């Protein structure tokens, strides 16, 4: 019964999406967002209000990082004292660093990578954002999984499209109140690429792998339904 009540409540909220209060862009953000970027920022706020994870899937170069940084500042103001974990490929970690410094220097962040990795979980509370890589999560899961993050955000989330990969299993062990993924290419080969990514975001929402393939992947990929 409680699950049915929760489903009905969430259905009601999603139908009232347009009436969900959207906070203005924080004055700490040192950028003017384009209308579609503002729309993405507002959508992330709505997902937070609904308690759902979602995928921000703008094409490459359209400012997913800026939209996410705007959201990170919003989360900092809404949940004082919370810490967010951003996981990205190694090649992007210093891009995140430069964009955080450029667009929101008030966000206190730590790069949990390489020689700067010797932090225990109590130190995580000193930061608004912790940046790390998929490789660090895979190889040093125990430390990162003990901490309860307000948000875990995956950049280039197609990195976890294989449900059987060690990195995917490690990412799923991370504890968070809510989750967001970013990808210009969430579907690279076929619809089944989405399963692991959405199972990370909202576990169980789209059933298990067999159900997902039967109800979604096969009808879409094989029959164009």
C-alpha atoms as a PDB file:
ATOM      1  CA  UNK A   1       0.000   0.000   0.000  1.00  0.00           C
ATOM      2  CA  UNK A   2       2.745   2.478   0.944  1.00  0.00           C
ATOM      3  CA  UNK A   3       4.444   1.972  -2.443  1.00  0.00           C
ATOM      4  CA  UNK A   4       1.165   2.661  -4.272  1.00  0.00           C
ATOM      5  CA  UNK A   5       0.685   5.826  -2.235  1.00  0.00           C
ATOM      6  CA  UNK A   6       4.233   6.954  -3.046  1.00  0.00           C
ATOM      7  CA  UNK A   7       3.741   6.253  -6.776  1.00  0.00           C
ATOM      8  CA  UNK A   8       0.494   8.242  -6.839  1.00  0.00           C
ATOM      9  CA  UNK A   9       2.155  11.118  -4.987  1.00  0.00           C
ATOM     10  CA  UNK A  10       5.054  11.239  -7.442  1.00  0.00           C
ATOM     11  CA  UNK A  11       2.675  10.984 -10.394  1.00  0.00           C
ATOM     12  CA  UNK A  12       0.731  13.946  -9.041  1.00  0.00           C
ATOM     13  CA  UNK A  13       3.948  15.946  -8.597  1.00  0.00           C
ATOM     14  CA  UNK A  14       5.172  15.232 -12.131  1.00  0.00           C
ATOM     15  CA  UNK A  15       1.793  16.320 -13.544  1.00  0.00           C
ATOM     16  CA  UNK A  16       2.210  19.564 -11.624  1.00  0.00           C
ATOM     17  CA  UNK A  17       5.781  20.004 -12.910  1.00  0.00           C
ATOM     18  CA  UNK A  18       5.173  23.530 -14.218  1.00  0.00           C
ATOM     19  CA  UNK A  19       3.968  24.739 -10.836  1.00  0.00           C
ATOM     20  CA  UNK A  20       7.037  23.491  -8.924  1.00  0.00           C
ATOM     21  CA  UNK A  21       8.823  26.521  -7.520  1.00  0.00           C
ATOM     22  CA  UNK A  22      12.072  27.253  -9.356  1.00  0.00           C
ATOM     23  CA  UNK A  23      14.711  29.285  -7.505  1.00  0.00           C
ATOM     24  CA  UNK A  24      16.509  32.022  -9.377  1.00  0.00           C
ATOM     25  CA  UNK A  25      20.120  31.547 -10.373  1.00  0.00           C
ATOM     26  CA  UNK A  26      22.400  32.215  -7.402  1.00  0.00           C
ATOM     27  CA  UNK A  27      24.266  35.523  -7.406  1.00  0.00           C
ATOM     28  CA  UNK A  28      27.407  33.414  -6.797  1.00  0.00           C
ATOM     29  CA  UNK A  29      27.277  32.147 -10.396  1.00  0.00           C
ATOM     30  CA  UNK A  30      29.595  34.274 -12.532  1.00  0.00           C
ATOM     31  CA  UNK A  31      27.881  33.634 -15.867  1.00  0.00           C
ATOM     32  CA  UNK A  32      24.722  34.442 -17.831  1.00  0.00           C
ATOM     33  CA  UNK A  33      22.902  31.227 -18.687  1.00  0.00           C
ATOM     34  CA  UNK A  34      21.271  30.936 -22.089  1.00  0.00           C
ATOM     35  CA  UNK A  35      17.516  30.199 -22.007  1.00  0.00           C
ATOM     36  CA  UNK A  36      17.976  26.450 -22.656  1.00  0.00           C
ATOM     37  CA  UNK A  37      20.697  26.290 -19.962  1.00  0.00           C
ATOM     38  CA  UNK A  38      18.377  27.998 -17.503  1.00  0.00           C
ATOM     39  CA  UNK A  39      15.699  25.473 -18.467  1.00  0.00           C
ATOM     40  CA  UNK A  40      18.124  22.612 -17.707  1.00  0.00           C
ATOM     41  CA  UNK A  41      19.024  24.191 -14.371  1.00  0.00           C
ATOM     42  CA  UNK A  42      15.314  24.537 -13.494  1.00  0.00           C
ATOM     43  CA  UNK A  43      14.702  20.920 -14.535  1.00  0.00           C
ATOM     44  CA  UNK A  44      17.454  19.706 -12.182  1.00  0.00           C
ATOM     45  CA  UNK A  45      15.776  21.695  -9.380  1.00  0.00           C
ATOM     46  CA  UNK A  46      12.459  20.007 -10.167  1.00  0.00           C
ATOM     47  CA  UNK A  47      14.062  16.550 -10.059  1.00  0.00           C
ATOM     48  CA  UNK A  48      15.439  17.449  -6.631  1.00  0.00           C
ATOM     49  CA  UNK A  49      11.964  18.479  -5.487  1.00  0.00           C
ATOM     50  CA  UNK A  50      10.504  15.221  -6.843  1.00  0.00           C
ATOM     51  CA  UNK A  51      13.292  13.103  -5.332  1.00  0.00           C
ATOM     52  CA  UNK A  52      14.181  11.563  -8.684  1.00  0.00           C
ATOM     53  CA  UNK A  53      17.488  11.154 -10.466  1.00  0.00           C
ATOM     54  CA  UNK A  54      17.770  12.275 -14.070  1.00  0.00           C
ATOM     55  CA  UNK A  55      20.038  12.478 -17.106  1.00  0.00           C
ATOM     56  CA  UNK A  56      21.074  15.866 -18.482  1.00  0.00           C
ATOM     57  CA  UNK A  57      21.746  14.867 -22.082  1.00  0.00           C
ATOM     58  CA  UNK A  58      22.523  18.096 -23.942  1.00  0.00           C
ATOM     59  CA  UNK A  59      24.921  17.687 -26.857  1.00  0.00           C
ATOM     60  CA  UNK A  60      28.635  18.251 -26.354  1.00  0.00           C
ATOM     61  CA  UNK A  61      29.565  21.924 -26.070  1.00  0.00           C
ATOM     62  CA  UNK A  62      26.145  23.131 -24.897  1.00  0.00           C
ATOM     63  CA  UNK A  63      27.195  23.760 -21.308  1.00  0.00           C
ATOM     64  CA  UNK A  64      26.203  20.717 -19.246  1.00  0.00           C
ATOM     65  CA  UNK A  65      29.024  21.553 -16.814  1.00  0.00           C
ATOM     66  CA  UNK A  66      27.837  25.140 -16.328  1.00  0.00           C
ATOM     67  CA  UNK A  67      24.247  23.999 -15.766  1.00  0.00           C
ATOM     68  CA  UNK A  68      25.494  21.447 -13.223  1.00  0.00           C
ATOM     69  CA  UNK A  69      27.710  23.960 -11.414  1.00  0.00           C
ATOM     70  CA  UNK A  70      24.668  26.268 -11.150  1.00  0.00           C
ATOM     71  CA  UNK A  71      22.778  23.333  -9.652  1.00  0.00           C
ATOM     72  CA  UNK A  72      25.636  22.503  -7.257  1.00  0.00           C
ATOM     73  CA  UNK A  73      25.476  26.050  -5.891  1.00  0.00           C
ATOM     74  CA  UNK A  74      21.683  25.722  -5.562  1.00  0.00           C
ATOM     75  CA  UNK A  75      22.138  22.450  -3.627  1.00  0.00           C
ATOM     76  CA  UNK A  76      24.742  24.076  -1.368  1.00  0.00           C
ATOM     77  CA  UNK A  77      22.257  26.823  -0.469  1.00  0.00           C
ATOM     78  CA  UNK A  78      19.298  24.429  -0.077  1.00  0.00           C
ATOM     79  CA  UNK A  79      21.151  21.783   1.965  1.00  0.00           C
ATOM     80  CA  UNK A  80      23.750  23.637   4.062  1.00  0.00           C
ATOM     81  CA  UNK A  81      26.679  21.452   5.084  1.00  0.00           C
ATOM     82  CA  UNK A  82      26.049  18.843   2.380  1.00  0.00           C
ATOM     83  CA  UNK A  83      28.796  17.461   0.141  1.00  0.00           C
ATOM     84  CA  UNK A  84      28.401  16.405  -3.497  1.00  0.00           C
ATOM     85  CA  UNK A  85      30.566  13.890  -5.369  1.00  0.00           C
ATOM     86  CA  UNK A  86      31.306  14.500  -9.064  1.00  0.00           C
ATOM     87  CA  UNK A  87      32.766  11.499 -10.917  1.00  0.00           C
ATOM     88  CA  UNK A  88      34.272  12.061 -14.360  1.00  0.00           C
ATOM     89  CA  UNK A  89      36.870  10.592 -16.734  1.00  0.00           C
ATOM     90  CA  UNK A  90      40.455  11.474 -15.789  1.00  0.00           C
ATOM     91  CA  UNK A  91      40.748  13.656 -18.912  1.00  0.00           C
ATOM     92  CA  UNK A  92      37.985  15.977 -17.646  1.00  0.00           C
ATOM     93  CA  UNK A  93      38.947  16.448 -14.012  1.00  0.00           C
ATOM     94  CA  UNK A  94      40.974  19.617 -14.636  1.00  0.00           C
ATOM     95  CA  UNK A  95      38.265  20.952 -16.961  1.00  0.00           C
ATOM     96  CA  UNK A  96      35.882  20.698 -13.995  1.00  0.00           C
ATOM     97  CA  UNK A  97      38.437  22.451 -11.812  1.00  0.00           C
ATOM     98  CA  UNK A  98      38.821  25.392 -14.218  1.00  0.00           C
ATOM     99  CA  UNK A  99      35.055  25.758 -14.756  1.00  0.00           C
ATOM    100  CA  UNK A 100      34.364  25.709 -11.007  1.00  0.00           C
ATOM    101  CA  UNK A 101      36.984  28.403 -10.460  1.00  0.00           C
ATOM    102  CA  UNK A 102      35.632  30.440 -13.374  1.00  0.00           C
ATOM    103  CA  UNK A 103      31.877  30.157 -12.852  1.00  0.00           C
ATOM    104  CA  UNK A 104      31.483  29.654  -9.087  1.00  0.00           C
ATOM    105  CA  UNK A 105      34.621  30.392  -7.065  1.00  0.00           C
ATOM    106  CA  UNK A 106      32.557  30.321  -3.846  1.00  0.00           C
ATOM    107  CA  UNK A 107      32.116  26.523  -4.146  1.00  0.00           C
ATOM    108  CA  UNK A 108      34.783  24.883  -2.009  1.00  0.00           C
ATOM    109  CA  UNK A 109      36.022  21.803  -3.857  1.00  0.00           C
ATOM    110  CA  UNK A 110      38.658  19.108  -3.471  1.00  0.00           C
ATOM    111  CA  UNK A 111      40.199  16.941  -6.192  1.00  0.00           C
ATOM    112  CA  UNK A 112      40.278  13.381  -4.833  1.00  0.00           C
ATOM    113  CA  UNK A 113      42.796  11.976  -7.276  1.00  0.00           C
ATOM    114  CA  UNK A 114      46.449  10.970  -7.443  1.00  0.00           C
ATOM    115  CA  UNK A 115      48.633  12.261  -4.635  1.00  0.00           C
ATOM    116  CA  UNK A 116      45.753  14.413  -3.342  1.00  0.00           C
ATOM    117  CA  UNK A 117      43.703  11.328  -2.504  1.00  0.00           C
ATOM    118  CA  UNK A 118      44.705  10.782   1.121  1.00  0.00           C
ATOM    119  CA  UNK A 119      41.526  12.126   2.717  1.00  0.00           C
ATOM    120  CA  UNK A 120      39.321  10.225   5.132  1.00  0.00           C
ATOM    121  CA  UNK A 121      35.559  10.584   5.059  1.00  0.00           C
ATOM    122  CA  UNK A 122      35.406  13.127   7.901  1.00  0.00           C
ATOM    123  CA  UNK A 123      37.418  15.510   5.716  1.00  0.00           C
ATOM    124  CA  UNK A 124      34.819  15.281   2.939  1.00  0.00           C
ATOM    125  CA  UNK A 125      32.458  17.340   5.099  1.00  0.00           C
ATOM    126  CA  UNK A 126      34.834  20.298   4.772  1.00  0.00           C
ATOM    127  CA  UNK A 127      34.014  20.644   1.068  1.00  0.00           C
ATOM    128  CA  UNK A 128      30.944  21.479  -1.003  1.00  0.00           C
ATOM    129  CA  UNK A 129      32.143  19.345  -3.917  1.00  0.00           C
ATOM    130  CA  UNK A 130      34.596  16.446  -4.207  1.00  0.00           C
ATOM    131  CA  UNK A 131      35.893  15.703  -7.729  1.00  0.00           C
ATOM    132  CA  UNK A 132      37.126  12.219  -8.530  1.00  0.00           C
ATOM    133  CA  UNK A 133      37.457   9.771 -11.417  1.00  0.00           C
ATOM    134  CA  UNK A 134      35.822   6.477 -12.388  1.00  0.00           C
ATOM    135  CA  UNK A 135      39.164   4.747 -11.834  1.00  0.00           C
ATOM    136  CA  UNK A 136      39.467   6.037  -8.257  1.00  0.00           C
ATOM    137  CA  UNK A 137      35.899   4.909  -7.458  1.00  0.00           C
ATOM    138  CA  UNK A 138      36.612   1.470  -8.906  1.00  0.00           C
ATOM    139  CA  UNK A 139      39.915   1.004  -7.084  1.00  0.00           C
ATOM    140  CA  UNK A 140      39.206   2.821  -3.811  1.00  0.00           C
ATOM    141  CA  UNK A 141      35.496   2.213  -3.333  1.00  0.00           C
ATOM    142  CA  UNK A 142      35.596   1.419   0.372  1.00  0.00           C
ATOM    143  CA  UNK A 143      36.507   4.945   1.429  1.00  0.00           C
ATOM    144  CA  UNK A 144      34.034   6.701  -0.910  1.00  0.00           C
ATOM    145  CA  UNK A 145      31.146   4.304  -0.189  1.00  0.00           C
ATOM    146  CA  UNK A 146      31.221   4.932   3.569  1.00  0.00           C
ATOM    147  CA  UNK A 147      30.209   8.566   3.109  1.00  0.00           C
ATOM    148  CA  UNK A 148      26.597   9.654   2.486  1.00  0.00           C
ATOM    149  CA  UNK A 149      26.672  12.231  -0.310  1.00  0.00           C
ATOM    150  CA  UNK A 150      23.730  14.541  -0.934  1.00  0.00           C
ATOM    151  CA  UNK A 151      24.338  14.073  -4.668  1.00  0.00           C
ATOM    152  CA  UNK A 152      26.500  11.789  -6.760  1.00  0.00           C
ATOM    153  CA  UNK A 153      26.882  13.249 -10.262  1.00  0.00           C
ATOM    154  CA  UNK A 154      28.411  11.225 -13.098  1.00  0.00           C
ATOM    155  CA  UNK A 155      29.909  13.058 -16.073  1.00  0.00           C
ATOM    156  CA  UNK A 156      30.198  11.090 -19.346  1.00  0.00           C
ATOM    157  CA  UNK A 157      27.909   8.536 -17.708  1.00  0.00           C
ATOM    158  CA  UNK A 158      28.121   6.175 -20.703  1.00  0.00           C
ATOM    159  CA  UNK A 159      31.202   4.955 -18.795  1.00  0.00           C
ATOM    160  CA  UNK A 160      28.816   2.767 -16.781  1.00  0.00           C
ATOM    161  CA  UNK A 161      26.660   1.494 -19.668  1.00  0.00           C
ATOM    162  CA  UNK A 162      27.886  -2.100 -19.172  1.00  0.00           C
ATOM    163  CA  UNK A 163      25.988  -3.485 -16.129  1.00  0.00           C
ATOM    164  CA  UNK A 164      28.599  -6.233 -15.651  1.00  0.00           C
ATOM    165  CA  UNK A 165      31.656  -3.952 -15.630  1.00  0.00           C
ATOM    166  CA  UNK A 166      33.545  -3.555 -12.371  1.00  0.00           C
ATOM    167  CA  UNK A 167      33.276   0.234 -12.544  1.00  0.00           C
ATOM    168  CA  UNK A 168      29.467   0.056 -12.900  1.00  0.00           C
ATOM    169  CA  UNK A 169      29.163  -2.211  -9.872  1.00  0.00           C
ATOM    170  CA  UNK A 170      31.438   0.094  -7.868  1.00  0.00           C
ATOM    171  CA  UNK A 171      29.475   3.227  -8.805  1.00  0.00           C
ATOM    172  CA  UNK A 172      26.251   1.573  -7.655  1.00  0.00           C
ATOM    173  CA  UNK A 173      27.759   1.055  -4.192  1.00  0.00           C
ATOM    174  CA  UNK A 174      28.063   4.821  -3.620  1.00  0.00           C
ATOM    175  CA  UNK A 175      25.520   6.155  -1.132  1.00  0.00           C
ATOM    176  CA  UNK A 176      23.585   9.300  -2.035  1.00  0.00           C
ATOM    177  CA  UNK A 177      20.304  11.032  -1.309  1.00  0.00           C
ATOM    178  CA  UNK A 178      19.898  11.645  -5.059  1.00  0.00           C
ATOM    179  CA  UNK A 179      21.809  11.223  -8.305  1.00  0.00           C
ATOM    180  CA  UNK A 180      22.312  12.960 -11.654  1.00  0.00           C
ATOM    181  CA  UNK A 181      24.109  11.806 -14.793  1.00  0.00           C
ATOM    182  CA  UNK A 182      25.490  13.930 -17.639  1.00  0.00           C
ATOM    183  CA  UNK A 183      26.118  12.616 -21.135  1.00  0.00           C
ATOM    184  CA  UNK A 184      25.963  13.865 -24.698  1.00  0.00           C
ATOM    185  CA  UNK A 185      25.774  10.203 -25.772  1.00  0.00           C
ATOM    186  CA  UNK A 186      23.789   8.190 -23.190  1.00  0.00           C
ATOM    187  CA  UNK A 187      22.881   5.766 -26.006  1.00  0.00           C
ATOM    188  CA  UNK A 188      25.957   4.787 -28.027  1.00  0.00           C
ATOM    189  CA  UNK A 189      25.082   1.373 -29.461  1.00  0.00           C
ATOM    190  CA  UNK A 190      21.499   0.501 -28.569  1.00  0.00           C
ATOM    191  CA  UNK A 191      18.733   1.179 -26.055  1.00  0.00           C
ATOM    192  CA  UNK A 192      20.112  -1.332 -23.568  1.00  0.00           C
ATOM    193  CA  UNK A 193      22.967   1.148 -22.956  1.00  0.00           C
ATOM    194  CA  UNK A 194      20.455   3.085 -20.850  1.00  0.00           C
ATOM    195  CA  UNK A 195      19.686   0.293 -18.404  1.00  0.00           C
ATOM    196  CA  UNK A 196      22.742   0.526 -16.130  1.00  0.00           C
ATOM    197  CA  UNK A 197      22.676   4.337 -16.197  1.00  0.00           C
ATOM    198  CA  UNK A 198      19.028   4.541 -15.148  1.00  0.00           C
ATOM    199  CA  UNK A 199      19.383   1.700 -12.691  1.00  0.00           C
ATOM    200  CA  UNK A 200      22.011   3.867 -10.986  1.00  0.00           C
ATOM    201  CA  UNK A 201      19.711   6.921 -11.072  1.00  0.00           C
ATOM    202  CA  UNK A 202      16.445   5.344  -9.938  1.00  0.00           C
ATOM    203  CA  UNK A 203      17.049   1.707  -8.926  1.00  0.00           C
ATOM    204  CA  UNK A 204      14.187  -0.562  -9.929  1.00  0.00           C
ATOM    205  CA  UNK A 205      12.146   2.100 -11.751  1.00  0.00           C
ATOM    206  CA  UNK A 206      12.603   0.354 -15.117  1.00  0.00           C
ATOM    207  CA  UNK A 207      12.662  -3.186 -13.695  1.00  0.00           C
ATOM    208  CA  UNK A 208      15.562  -5.636 -13.852  1.00  0.00           C
ATOM    209  CA  UNK A 209      17.715  -6.123 -16.942  1.00  0.00           C
ATOM    210  CA  UNK A 210      15.583  -8.895 -18.420  1.00  0.00           C
ATOM    211  CA  UNK A 211      12.401  -6.833 -17.983  1.00  0.00           C
ATOM    212  CA  UNK A 212      14.066  -3.722 -19.452  1.00  0.00           C
ATOM    213  CA  UNK A 213      15.261  -5.617 -22.516  1.00  0.00           C
ATOM    214  CA  UNK A 214      11.889  -7.299 -23.036  1.00  0.00           C
ATOM    215  CA  UNK A 215       9.739  -4.190 -22.528  1.00  0.00           C
ATOM    216  CA  UNK A 216      12.010  -1.477 -23.969  1.00  0.00           C
ATOM    217  CA  UNK A 217      15.250  -2.497 -25.697  1.00  0.00           C
ATOM    218  CA  UNK A 218      13.916  -5.257 -27.990  1.00  0.00           C
ATOM    219  CA  UNK A 219      10.728  -3.419 -29.086  1.00  0.00           C
ATOM    220  CA  UNK A 220      12.687  -0.214 -29.770  1.00  0.00           C
ATOM    221  CA  UNK A 221      15.841  -1.646 -31.360  1.00  0.00           C
ATOM    222  CA  UNK A 222      14.350  -4.597 -33.197  1.00  0.00           C
ATOM    223  CA  UNK A 223      10.909  -3.335 -34.190  1.00  0.00           C
ATOM    224  CA  UNK A 224      11.315   0.453 -34.081  1.00  0.00           C
ATOM    225  CA  UNK A 225       8.424   0.729 -31.629  1.00  0.00           C
END
